[in-house]
C-alpha atoms as a PDB file:
ATOM      1  CA  MET A   1     -41.574 -43.537-164.023  1.00  0.00           C
ATOM      2  CA  THR A   2     -38.608 -44.364-161.860  1.00  0.00           C
ATOM      3  CA  ARG A   3     -37.215 -47.854-161.468  1.00  0.00           C
ATOM      4  CA  LYS A   4     -38.308 -48.087-157.872  1.00  0.00           C
ATOM      5  CA  ARG A   5     -41.862 -47.063-158.724  1.00  0.00           C
ATOM      6  CA  ARG A   6     -42.065 -49.535-161.616  1.00  0.00           C
ATOM      7  CA  ARG A   7     -40.823 -52.364-159.365  1.00  0.00           C
ATOM      8  CA  LEU A   8     -43.463 -51.439-156.772  1.00  0.00           C
ATOM      9  CA  MET A   9     -46.183 -51.423-159.460  1.00  0.00           C
ATOM     10  CA  ILE A  10     -45.150 -54.893-160.729  1.00  0.00           C
ATOM     11  CA  LEU A  11     -45.127 -56.242-157.163  1.00  0.00           C
ATOM     12  CA  ALA A  12     -48.597 -54.793-156.474  1.00  0.00           C
ATOM     13  CA  LEU A  13     -50.014 -56.311-159.689  1.00  0.00           C
ATOM     14  CA  ALA A  14     -48.437 -59.703-158.891  1.00  0.00           C
ATOM     15  CA  LEU A  15     -49.954 -59.675-155.387  1.00  0.00           C
ATOM     16  CA  LEU A  16     -53.337 -58.672-156.800  1.00  0.00           C
ATOM     17  CA  GLY A  17     -53.194 -61.539-159.324  1.00  0.00           C
ATOM     18  CA  LEU A  18     -52.143 -64.025-156.633  1.00  0.00           C
ATOM     19  CA  GLY A  19     -54.963 -62.871-154.346  1.00  0.00           C
ATOM     20  CA  THR A  20     -57.527 -63.221-157.136  1.00  0.00           C
ATOM     21  CA  ALA A  21     -56.296 -66.723-158.017  1.00  0.00           C
ATOM     22  CA  THR A  22     -56.437 -67.769-154.342  1.00  0.00           C
ATOM     23  CA  ALA A  23     -59.977 -66.410-153.936  1.00  0.00           C
ATOM     24  CA  LEU A  24     -61.206 -68.244-157.054  1.00  0.00           C
ATOM     25  CA  THR A  25     -59.578 -71.516-155.930  1.00  0.00           C
ATOM     26  CA  LEU A  26     -61.091 -71.329-152.444  1.00  0.00           C
ATOM     27  CA  SER A  27     -64.504 -70.523-153.904  1.00  0.00           C
ATOM     28  CA  ALA A  28     -64.354 -73.587-156.165  1.00  0.00           C
ATOM     29  CA  PHE A  29     -63.304 -75.842-153.254  1.00  0.00           C
ATOM     30  CA  ARG A  30     -66.052 -74.558-150.972  1.00  0.00           C
ATOM     31  CA  ASP A  31     -68.708 -75.633-153.473  1.00  0.00           C
ATOM     32  CA  ASN A  32     -67.240 -79.145-153.812  1.00  0.00           C
ATOM     33  CA  ILE A  33     -66.252 -80.035-150.243  1.00  0.00           C
ATOM     34  CA  VAL A  34     -68.553 -82.510-148.490  1.00  0.00           C
ATOM     35  CA  PHE A  35     -68.070 -82.689-144.717  1.00  0.00           C
ATOM     36  CA  PHE A  36     -68.375 -85.890-142.656  1.00  0.00           C
ATOM     37  CA  TYR A  37     -70.563 -86.075-139.535  1.00  0.00           C
ATOM     38  CA  SER A  38     -71.527 -88.784-137.078  1.00  0.00           C
ATOM     39  CA  PRO A  39     -75.192 -88.831-135.970  1.00  0.00           C
ATOM     40  CA  SER A  40     -74.155 -87.153-132.678  1.00  0.00           C
ATOM     41  CA  ASP A  41     -72.218 -84.422-134.518  1.00  0.00           C
ATOM     42  CA  LEU A  42     -75.128 -83.812-136.882  1.00  0.00           C
ATOM     43  CA  ALA A  43     -77.575 -83.437-133.978  1.00  0.00           C
ATOM     44  CA  ALA A  44     -75.233 -81.012-132.199  1.00  0.00           C
ATOM     45  CA  LYS A  45     -74.513 -78.798-135.220  1.00  0.00           C
ATOM     46  CA  PRO A  46     -76.857 -79.234-138.210  1.00  0.00           C
ATOM     47  CA  PRO A  47     -75.262 -78.179-141.524  1.00  0.00           C
ATOM     48  CA  GLY A  48     -78.158 -75.969-142.679  1.00  0.00           C
ATOM     49  CA  GLY A  49     -79.198 -77.505-146.005  1.00  0.00           C
ATOM     50  CA  ARG A  50     -75.703 -78.395-147.229  1.00  0.00           C
ATOM     51  CA  THR A  51     -74.796 -81.784-148.652  1.00  0.00           C
ATOM     52  CA  VAL A  52     -72.893 -83.798-146.035  1.00  0.00           C
ATOM     53  CA  ARG A  53     -71.824 -87.370-145.329  1.00  0.00           C
ATOM     54  CA  ILE A  54     -72.904 -89.261-142.240  1.00  0.00           C
ATOM     55  CA  GLY A  55     -71.363 -92.484-141.081  1.00  0.00           C
ATOM     56  CA  GLY A  56     -71.976 -95.135-138.503  1.00  0.00           C
ATOM     57  CA  LEU A  57     -73.636 -98.510-138.186  1.00  0.00           C
ATOM     58  CA  VAL A  58     -77.010 -99.515-139.617  1.00  0.00           C
ATOM     59  CA  GLU A  59     -79.049-100.091-136.458  1.00  0.00           C
ATOM     60  CA  ALA A  60     -80.320-103.656-136.046  1.00  0.00           C
ATOM     61  CA  GLY A  61     -84.067-103.987-136.672  1.00  0.00           C
ATOM     62  CA  SER A  62     -84.390-100.566-138.310  1.00  0.00           C
ATOM     63  CA  LEU A  63     -84.292-101.508-142.019  1.00  0.00           C
ATOM     64  CA  LYS A  64     -87.718-101.104-143.652  1.00  0.00           C
ATOM     65  CA  ARG A  65     -88.501-101.373-147.348  1.00  0.00           C
ATOM     66  CA  GLU A  66     -91.206 -99.028-148.546  1.00  0.00           C
ATOM     67  CA  GLY A  67     -92.911 -99.032-151.935  1.00  0.00           C
ATOM     68  CA  GLY A  68     -90.617 -99.226-154.936  1.00  0.00           C
ATOM     69  CA  MET A  69     -86.910 -98.839-154.280  1.00  0.00           C
ATOM     70  CA  THR A  70     -87.208 -96.682-151.154  1.00  0.00           C
ATOM     71  CA  VAL A  71     -85.754 -97.919-147.869  1.00  0.00           C
ATOM     72  CA  THR A  72     -85.593 -96.342-144.434  1.00  0.00           C
ATOM     73  CA  PHE A  73     -83.156 -97.236-141.680  1.00  0.00           C
ATOM     74  CA  GLN A  74     -81.364 -95.741-138.681  1.00  0.00           C
ATOM     75  CA  VAL A  75     -77.651 -94.881-138.671  1.00  0.00           C
ATOM     76  CA  THR A  76     -76.143 -94.939-135.190  1.00  0.00           C
ATOM     77  CA  ASP A  77     -72.838 -94.121-133.563  1.00  0.00           C
ATOM     78  CA  THR A  78     -74.135 -95.909-130.411  1.00  0.00           C
ATOM     79  CA  ALA A  79     -74.727 -92.559-128.706  1.00  0.00           C
ATOM     80  CA  ARG A  80     -77.378 -91.254-131.097  1.00  0.00           C
ATOM     81  CA  SER A  81     -79.410 -92.569-134.044  1.00  0.00           C
ATOM     82  CA  LEU A  82     -80.525 -90.720-137.154  1.00  0.00           C
ATOM     83  CA  PRO A  83     -83.353 -91.799-139.499  1.00  0.00           C
ATOM     84  CA  VAL A  84     -82.257 -92.111-143.136  1.00  0.00           C
ATOM     85  CA  THR A  85     -84.285 -92.582-146.318  1.00  0.00           C
ATOM     86  CA  TYR A  86     -82.726 -93.733-149.571  1.00  0.00           C
ATOM     87  CA  THR A  87     -84.257 -94.401-152.976  1.00  0.00           C
ATOM     88  CA  GLY A  88     -82.150 -96.542-155.254  1.00  0.00           C
ATOM     89  CA  ILE A  89     -80.314 -99.823-155.476  1.00  0.00           C
ATOM     90  CA  LEU A  90     -78.669-100.799-152.196  1.00  0.00           C
ATOM     91  CA  PRO A  91     -75.007-101.857-152.244  1.00  0.00           C
ATOM     92  CA  ASP A  92     -74.566-105.649-152.143  1.00  0.00           C
ATOM     93  CA  LEU A  93     -72.929-105.568-148.703  1.00  0.00           C
ATOM     94  CA  PHE A  94     -75.535-103.271-147.136  1.00  0.00           C
ATOM     95  CA  ARG A  95     -77.222-104.861-144.100  1.00  0.00           C
ATOM     96  CA  GLU A  96     -78.093-104.213-140.479  1.00  0.00           C
ATOM     97  CA  GLY A  97     -75.203-104.030-138.043  1.00  0.00           C
ATOM     98  CA  GLN A  98     -72.695-103.062-140.762  1.00  0.00           C
ATOM     99  CA  GLY A  99     -70.829 -99.823-141.346  1.00  0.00           C
ATOM    100  CA  VAL A 100     -72.290 -97.350-143.811  1.00  0.00           C
ATOM    101  CA  VAL A 101     -71.544 -93.865-145.135  1.00  0.00           C
ATOM    102  CA  ALA A 102     -74.480 -91.936-146.616  1.00  0.00           C
ATOM    103  CA  GLU A 103     -74.231 -88.703-148.594  1.00  0.00           C
ATOM    104  CA  GLY A 104     -77.218 -86.358-148.752  1.00  0.00           C
ATOM    105  CA  LYS A 105     -79.067 -83.636-146.853  1.00  0.00           C
ATOM    106  CA  LEU A 106     -80.729 -83.367-143.459  1.00  0.00           C
ATOM    107  CA  GLY A 107     -84.363 -82.310-143.812  1.00  0.00           C
ATOM    108  CA  ALA A 108     -86.225 -79.908-141.526  1.00  0.00           C
ATOM    109  CA  ASP A 109     -88.100 -82.943-140.142  1.00  0.00           C
ATOM    110  CA  GLY A 110     -84.809 -84.465-138.892  1.00  0.00           C
ATOM    111  CA  VAL A 111     -84.739 -87.216-141.529  1.00  0.00           C
ATOM    112  CA  PHE A 112     -81.548 -87.549-143.571  1.00  0.00           C
ATOM    113  CA  THR A 113     -82.311 -88.046-147.278  1.00  0.00           C
ATOM    114  CA  ALA A 114     -79.406 -89.943-148.815  1.00  0.00           C
ATOM    115  CA  THR A 115     -78.499 -89.659-152.484  1.00  0.00           C
ATOM    116  CA  GLU A 116     -75.558 -92.077-152.254  1.00  0.00           C
ATOM    117  CA  LEU A 117     -74.769 -95.043-149.967  1.00  0.00           C
ATOM    118  CA  LEU A 118     -71.412 -96.685-149.386  1.00  0.00           C
ATOM    119  CA  ALA A 119     -71.313 -99.993-147.516  1.00  0.00           C
ATOM    120  CA  LYS A 120     -68.364-101.465-145.676  1.00  0.00           C
ATOM    121  CA  HIS A 121     -66.559-103.787-148.085  1.00  0.00           C
ATOM    122  CA  ASP A 122     -65.020-106.388-145.766  1.00  0.00           C
ATOM    123  CA  GLU A 123     -64.737-107.326-142.117  1.00  0.00           C
ATOM    124  CA  LYS A 124     -61.659-105.247-141.367  1.00  0.00           C
ATOM    125  CA  TYR A 125     -62.192-102.056-143.363  1.00  0.00           C
ATOM    126  CA  MET A 126     -63.974 -99.042-141.966  1.00  0.00           C
ATOM    127  CA  PRO A 127     -63.484 -95.500-143.284  1.00  0.00           C
ATOM    128  CA  PRO A 128     -61.200 -93.606-140.867  1.00  0.00           C
ATOM    129  CA  ASP A 129     -63.845 -90.933-140.210  1.00  0.00           C
ATOM    130  CA  VAL A 130     -66.413 -93.585-139.236  1.00  0.00           C
ATOM    131  CA  ALA A 131     -63.927 -95.447-137.021  1.00  0.00           C
ATOM    132  CA  ASP A 132     -62.945 -92.213-135.220  1.00  0.00           C
ATOM    133  CA  ALA A 133     -66.583 -91.213-134.677  1.00  0.00           C
ATOM    134  CA  LEU A 134     -67.419 -94.654-133.270  1.00  0.00           C
ATOM    135  CA  LYS A 135     -64.373 -94.550-130.962  1.00  0.00           C
ATOM    136  CA  ARG A 136     -65.394 -91.122-129.632  1.00  0.00           C
ATOM    137  CA  ALA A 137     -68.864 -92.545-128.962  1.00  0.00           C
ATOM    138  CA  GLY A 138     -67.383 -95.425-126.938  1.00  0.00           C
ATOM    139  CA  HIS A 139     -67.806 -98.193-129.526  1.00  0.00           C
ATOM    140  CA  PRO A 140     -64.789-100.460-130.077  1.00  0.00           C
ATOM    141  CA  GLY A 141     -65.164-100.139-133.836  1.00  0.00           C
ATOM    142  CA  LYS A 142     -66.301-103.535-135.120  1.00  0.00           C
ATOM    143  CA  PRO A 143     -69.971-104.094-135.982  1.00  0.00           C
ATOM    144  CA  GLY A 144     -71.647-106.358-133.465  1.00  0.00           C
ATOM    145  CA  ASP A 145     -69.234-105.568-130.608  1.00  0.00           C
ATOM    146  CA  ALA A 146     -70.700-104.158-127.424  1.00  0.00           C
ATOM    147  CA  PRO A 147     -70.102-100.470-126.703  1.00  0.00           C
ATOM    148  CA  VAL A 148     -67.284 -99.633-124.313  1.00  0.00           C
ATOM    149  CA  ALA A 149     -68.332 -97.693-121.218  1.00  0.00           C
ATOM    150  CA  ALA A 150     -66.813 -94.269-120.663  1.00  0.00           C
ATOM    151  CA  GLY A 151     -63.385 -94.543-119.056  1.00  0.00           C
ATOM    152  CA  GLU A 152     -63.136 -98.261-119.883  1.00  0.00           C
ATOM    153  CA  GLU A 153     -60.590 -99.587-122.343  1.00  0.00           C
ATOM    154  CA  HIS A 154     -61.375-102.108-125.031  1.00  0.00           C
ATOM    155  CA  GLN A 155     -58.882-104.929-124.557  1.00  0.00           C
ATOM    156  CA  THR A 156     -57.659-107.242-127.249  1.00  0.00           C
ATOM    157  CA  SER A 157     -55.184-110.085-127.079  1.00  0.00           C
ATOM    158  CA  THR A 158     -52.756-111.271-129.688  1.00  0.00           C
ATOM    159  CA  LEU A 159     -51.583-114.856-130.047  1.00  0.00           C
ATOM    160  CA  ARG A 160     -47.922-115.037-130.955  1.00  0.00           C
ATOM    161  CA  THR A 161     -45.978-118.096-131.969  1.00  0.00           C
ATOM    162  CA  ASN A 162     -42.220-118.471-131.971  1.00  0.00           C
ATOM    163  CA  PRO A 163     -40.695-119.393-135.334  1.00  0.00           C
END
């Protein structure tokens, strides 16, 4: 075998090994990635039985406790609401009008069955995905604030003092 041919063979084997490693890595990631949706996004393009995360606000007046540890509530992005059921212990900060991220699957009946709930942990924090989804839906981003009409800006003022 000539030198040129041996070099070409080594290069081909290296590329084959790199391609195999890339394919295995991407396959492992695909099984572990959980996508985020707002209720509007989920209604527009259902994920087809995959585990996903939805985020938004717990709609006021929608929280209902069923038998045992099961609760049902609506998650809204102010444009659309999605019914959610969850069986388990609710986070301490979980309540109506607050931000929530739920992980689970959308059933054929249109009800999202959550396996994990994350509640907003203070007044200022909201996961970036939830904040972006609420902004796209015309909500200023803080629970309890009124939605902003399309084309309207949400105005805030800052009080400054001179040192």
